[in-house]
C-alpha atoms as a PDB file:
ATOM      1  CA  UNK A   1      -0.021  -0.136  -0.241  1.00  0.00           C
ATOM      2  CA  UNK A   2       1.348   3.431  -1.009  1.00  0.00           C
ATOM      3  CA  UNK A   3       1.003   6.084   1.109  1.00  0.00           C
ATOM      4  CA  UNK A   4       3.492   8.690  -0.378  1.00  0.00           C
ATOM      5  CA  UNK A   5       1.154  11.682  -0.530  1.00  0.00           C
ATOM      6  CA  UNK A   6      -0.316  11.008   2.681  1.00  0.00           C
ATOM      7  CA  UNK A   7       3.228  11.460   4.339  1.00  0.00           C
ATOM      8  CA  UNK A   8       3.376  14.666   1.794  1.00  0.00           C
ATOM      9  CA  UNK A   9       0.661  15.729   3.223  1.00  0.00           C
ATOM     10  CA  UNK A  10       0.651  14.713   7.034  1.00  0.00           C
ATOM     11  CA  UNK A  11       4.232  16.462   6.798  1.00  0.00           C
ATOM     12  CA  UNK A  12       2.989  19.646   5.534  1.00  0.00           C
ATOM     13  CA  UNK A  13       0.107  19.428   7.717  1.00  0.00           C
ATOM     14  CA  UNK A  14       2.277  19.103  11.310  1.00  0.00           C
ATOM     15  CA  UNK A  15       5.171  21.339   9.829  1.00  0.00           C
ATOM     16  CA  UNK A  16       7.823  18.659  10.207  1.00  0.00           C
ATOM     17  CA  UNK A  17       9.759  17.217   7.847  1.00  0.00           C
ATOM     18  CA  UNK A  18       8.444  13.487   5.933  1.00  0.00           C
ATOM     19  CA  UNK A  19      10.993  11.463   7.491  1.00  0.00           C
ATOM     20  CA  UNK A  20       9.691  12.508  10.825  1.00  0.00           C
ATOM     21  CA  UNK A  21       6.193  11.022  10.229  1.00  0.00           C
ATOM     22  CA  UNK A  22       5.165   7.506  11.659  1.00  0.00           C
ATOM     23  CA  UNK A  23       1.823   5.767  10.705  1.00  0.00           C
ATOM     24  CA  UNK A  24       0.589   3.412  12.965  1.00  0.00           C
ATOM     25  CA  UNK A  25       0.423   0.541  11.054  1.00  0.00           C
ATOM     26  CA  UNK A  26      -2.852  -1.083  12.635  1.00  0.00           C
ATOM     27  CA  UNK A  27      -4.736   1.745  11.521  1.00  0.00           C
ATOM     28  CA  UNK A  28      -3.702   2.286   7.838  1.00  0.00           C
ATOM     29  CA  UNK A  29      -6.707   1.916   6.350  1.00  0.00           C
ATOM     30  CA  UNK A  30      -8.109   5.045   8.328  1.00  0.00           C
ATOM     31  CA  UNK A  31      -4.922   7.206   7.088  1.00  0.00           C
ATOM     32  CA  UNK A  32      -5.992   5.990   3.595  1.00  0.00           C
ATOM     33  CA  UNK A  33      -9.166   7.734   3.598  1.00  0.00           C
ATOM     34  CA  UNK A  34      -7.796  10.914   5.098  1.00  0.00           C
ATOM     35  CA  UNK A  35      -8.122  13.501   2.409  1.00  0.00           C
ATOM     36  CA  UNK A  36      -7.995  16.959   4.098  1.00  0.00           C
ATOM     37  CA  UNK A  37      -5.646  18.768   6.481  1.00  0.00           C
ATOM     38  CA  UNK A  38      -8.188  18.464   9.374  1.00  0.00           C
ATOM     39  CA  UNK A  39      -8.679  14.888   8.942  1.00  0.00           C
ATOM     40  CA  UNK A  40      -4.731  14.225   9.161  1.00  0.00           C
ATOM     41  CA  UNK A  41      -4.971  16.963  12.458  1.00  0.00           C
ATOM     42  CA  UNK A  42      -7.736  14.113  13.687  1.00  0.00           C
ATOM     43  CA  UNK A  43      -5.598  11.272  13.029  1.00  0.00           C
ATOM     44  CA  UNK A  44      -2.932  12.940  14.758  1.00  0.00           C
ATOM     45  CA  UNK A  45      -4.317  14.030  17.924  1.00  0.00           C
ATOM     46  CA  UNK A  46      -6.218  10.368  17.746  1.00  0.00           C
ATOM     47  CA  UNK A  47      -2.473   8.717  18.104  1.00  0.00           C
ATOM     48  CA  UNK A  48      -3.055   7.156  14.343  1.00  0.00           C
ATOM     49  CA  UNK A  49      -0.160   9.289  13.053  1.00  0.00           C
ATOM     50  CA  UNK A  50       2.912   9.985  15.483  1.00  0.00           C
ATOM     51  CA  UNK A  51       5.831  12.274  15.005  1.00  0.00           C
ATOM     52  CA  UNK A  52       9.377  11.338  15.384  1.00  0.00           C
ATOM     53  CA  UNK A  53      11.542  13.115  17.394  1.00  0.00           C
ATOM     54  CA  UNK A  54      14.176  15.254  16.500  1.00  0.00           C
ATOM     55  CA  UNK A  55      17.755  13.349  16.098  1.00  0.00           C
ATOM     56  CA  UNK A  56      19.889  16.524  16.471  1.00  0.00           C
ATOM     57  CA  UNK A  57      23.515  16.607  15.746  1.00  0.00           C
ATOM     58  CA  UNK A  58      26.648  17.595  17.722  1.00  0.00           C
ATOM     59  CA  UNK A  59      27.560  21.134  17.931  1.00  0.00           C
ATOM     60  CA  UNK A  60      29.814  22.706  15.509  1.00  0.00           C
ATOM     61  CA  UNK A  61      33.261  23.498  17.425  1.00  0.00           C
ATOM     62  CA  UNK A  62      34.955  26.460  16.947  1.00  0.00           C
ATOM     63  CA  UNK A  63      38.464  26.667  15.857  1.00  0.00           C
ATOM     64  CA  UNK A  64      40.231  28.359  18.434  1.00  0.00           C
ATOM     65  CA  UNK A  65      42.746  30.916  17.638  1.00  0.00           C
ATOM     66  CA  UNK A  66      46.238  30.025  18.496  1.00  0.00           C
ATOM     67  CA  UNK A  67      48.797  31.831  20.370  1.00  0.00           C
ATOM     68  CA  UNK A  68      51.230  32.600  17.337  1.00  0.00           C
ATOM     69  CA  UNK A  69      53.545  35.350  15.724  1.00  0.00           C
ATOM     70  CA  UNK A  70      51.152  37.477  14.283  1.00  0.00           C
ATOM     71  CA  UNK A  71      48.128  36.939  17.145  1.00  0.00           C
ATOM     72  CA  UNK A  72      50.050  38.212  19.955  1.00  0.00           C
ATOM     73  CA  UNK A  73      49.286  41.380  21.335  1.00  0.00           C
ATOM     74  CA  UNK A  74      51.545  43.279  23.354  1.00  0.00           C
ATOM     75  CA  UNK A  75      50.971  46.641  25.589  1.00  0.00           C
ATOM     76  CA  UNK A  76      53.529  49.263  24.391  1.00  0.00           C
ATOM     77  CA  UNK A  77      55.884  49.443  27.665  1.00  0.00           C
ATOM     78  CA  UNK A  78      55.354  52.995  30.073  1.00  0.00           C
ATOM     79  CA  UNK A  79      59.226  54.022  29.412  1.00  0.00           C
ATOM     80  CA  UNK A  80      58.545  53.501  25.526  1.00  0.00           C
ATOM     81  CA  UNK A  81      55.881  55.823  25.119  1.00  0.00           C
ATOM     82  CA  UNK A  82      57.494  58.344  27.541  1.00  0.00           C
ATOM     83  CA  UNK A  83      60.052  58.751  25.428  1.00  0.00           C
ATOM     84  CA  UNK A  84      58.475  58.940  22.131  1.00  0.00           C
ATOM     85  CA  UNK A  85      56.436  61.468  23.509  1.00  0.00           C
ATOM     86  CA  UNK A  86      59.788  63.125  25.045  1.00  0.00           C
ATOM     87  CA  UNK A  87      61.648  62.801  21.792  1.00  0.00           C
ATOM     88  CA  UNK A  88      58.855  64.024  19.453  1.00  0.00           C
ATOM     89  CA  UNK A  89      58.047  66.790  21.426  1.00  0.00           C
ATOM     90  CA  UNK A  90      62.233  67.978  21.630  1.00  0.00           C
ATOM     91  CA  UNK A  91      62.624  67.548  17.656  1.00  0.00           C
ATOM     92  CA  UNK A  92      59.536  69.356  16.804  1.00  0.00           C
ATOM     93  CA  UNK A  93      61.058  72.260  19.346  1.00  0.00           C
ATOM     94  CA  UNK A  94      64.343  71.645  17.524  1.00  0.00           C
ATOM     95  CA  UNK A  95      62.803  72.086  13.966  1.00  0.00           C
ATOM     96  CA  UNK A  96      61.492  75.447  14.983  1.00  0.00           C
ATOM     97  CA  UNK A  97      64.556  76.735  16.271  1.00  0.00           C
ATOM     98  CA  UNK A  98      66.313  75.903  13.027  1.00  0.00           C
ATOM     99  CA  UNK A  99      63.707  77.220  10.913  1.00  0.00           C
ATOM    100  CA  UNK A 100      63.757  80.620  13.121  1.00  0.00           C
ATOM    101  CA  UNK A 101      67.765  80.498  12.223  1.00  0.00           C
ATOM    102  CA  UNK A 102      68.229  80.861  15.750  1.00  0.00           C
ATOM    103  CA  UNK A 103      70.733  77.397  15.642  1.00  0.00           C
ATOM    104  CA  UNK A 104      72.977  75.844  12.948  1.00  0.00           C
ATOM    105  CA  UNK A 105      72.310  73.049  10.708  1.00  0.00           C
ATOM    106  CA  UNK A 106      75.637  71.146  12.454  1.00  0.00           C
ATOM    107  CA  UNK A 107      74.346  72.068  15.775  1.00  0.00           C
ATOM    108  CA  UNK A 108      70.837  70.553  15.303  1.00  0.00           C
ATOM    109  CA  UNK A 109      72.334  67.426  13.904  1.00  0.00           C
ATOM    110  CA  UNK A 110      74.107  66.842  17.087  1.00  0.00           C
ATOM    111  CA  UNK A 111      71.127  68.051  19.315  1.00  0.00           C
ATOM    112  CA  UNK A 112      69.185  65.698  17.496  1.00  0.00           C
ATOM    113  CA  UNK A 113      71.554  62.883  18.028  1.00  0.00           C
ATOM    114  CA  UNK A 114      71.637  63.369  21.667  1.00  0.00           C
ATOM    115  CA  UNK A 115      67.891  63.973  21.853  1.00  0.00           C
ATOM    116  CA  UNK A 116      67.845  60.306  20.403  1.00  0.00           C
ATOM    117  CA  UNK A 117      70.475  58.946  23.278  1.00  0.00           C
ATOM    118  CA  UNK A 118      68.307  60.632  25.771  1.00  0.00           C
ATOM    119  CA  UNK A 119      70.422  62.798  26.905  1.00  0.00           C
ATOM    120  CA  UNK A 120      68.056  65.279  27.414  1.00  0.00           C
ATOM    121  CA  UNK A 121      64.948  65.575  30.160  1.00  0.00           C
ATOM    122  CA  UNK A 122      62.692  67.801  29.055  1.00  0.00           C
ATOM    123  CA  UNK A 123      62.352  71.292  26.982  1.00  0.00           C
ATOM    124  CA  UNK A 124      64.024  73.215  29.670  1.00  0.00           C
ATOM    125  CA  UNK A 125      67.031  71.054  30.209  1.00  0.00           C
ATOM    126  CA  UNK A 126      67.457  71.377  26.527  1.00  0.00           C
ATOM    127  CA  UNK A 127      67.187  75.074  26.345  1.00  0.00           C
ATOM    128  CA  UNK A 128      69.927  75.296  28.957  1.00  0.00           C
ATOM    129  CA  UNK A 129      72.434  73.224  26.987  1.00  0.00           C
ATOM    130  CA  UNK A 130      71.681  75.505  23.526  1.00  0.00           C
ATOM    131  CA  UNK A 131      72.283  78.561  26.186  1.00  0.00           C
ATOM    132  CA  UNK A 132      75.642  77.563  27.095  1.00  0.00           C
ATOM    133  CA  UNK A 133      77.021  76.546  24.279  1.00  0.00           C
ATOM    134  CA  UNK A 134      76.289  80.154  22.813  1.00  0.00           C
END
């Protein structure tokens, strides 16, 4: 006895997949006579048609990001941050002095090298040094 159409109708009516619909073997003649969706609903409530539980599947595990060269994020050390801010400030000041022709090009280069070597603590220190040279 082919009940493919009835199985499709039951699946559509009950809102489940075709493979989940189960017919009671003892009540196949009743199922065969069902034509409308309401007939299918009645048979479902009476127990002639049952719905199989969902099989489910394993949850997909996300790939864990590994700690390697490209993924390591290090914080910039506080000493380096201070060094960078100090050197930028002093170099900007030296550039202004060079534009205003208050220092020579040779003195500019030597002072820049000493800024890189962290000789000067701050702007006032470099000002005092320039005043001593002149």
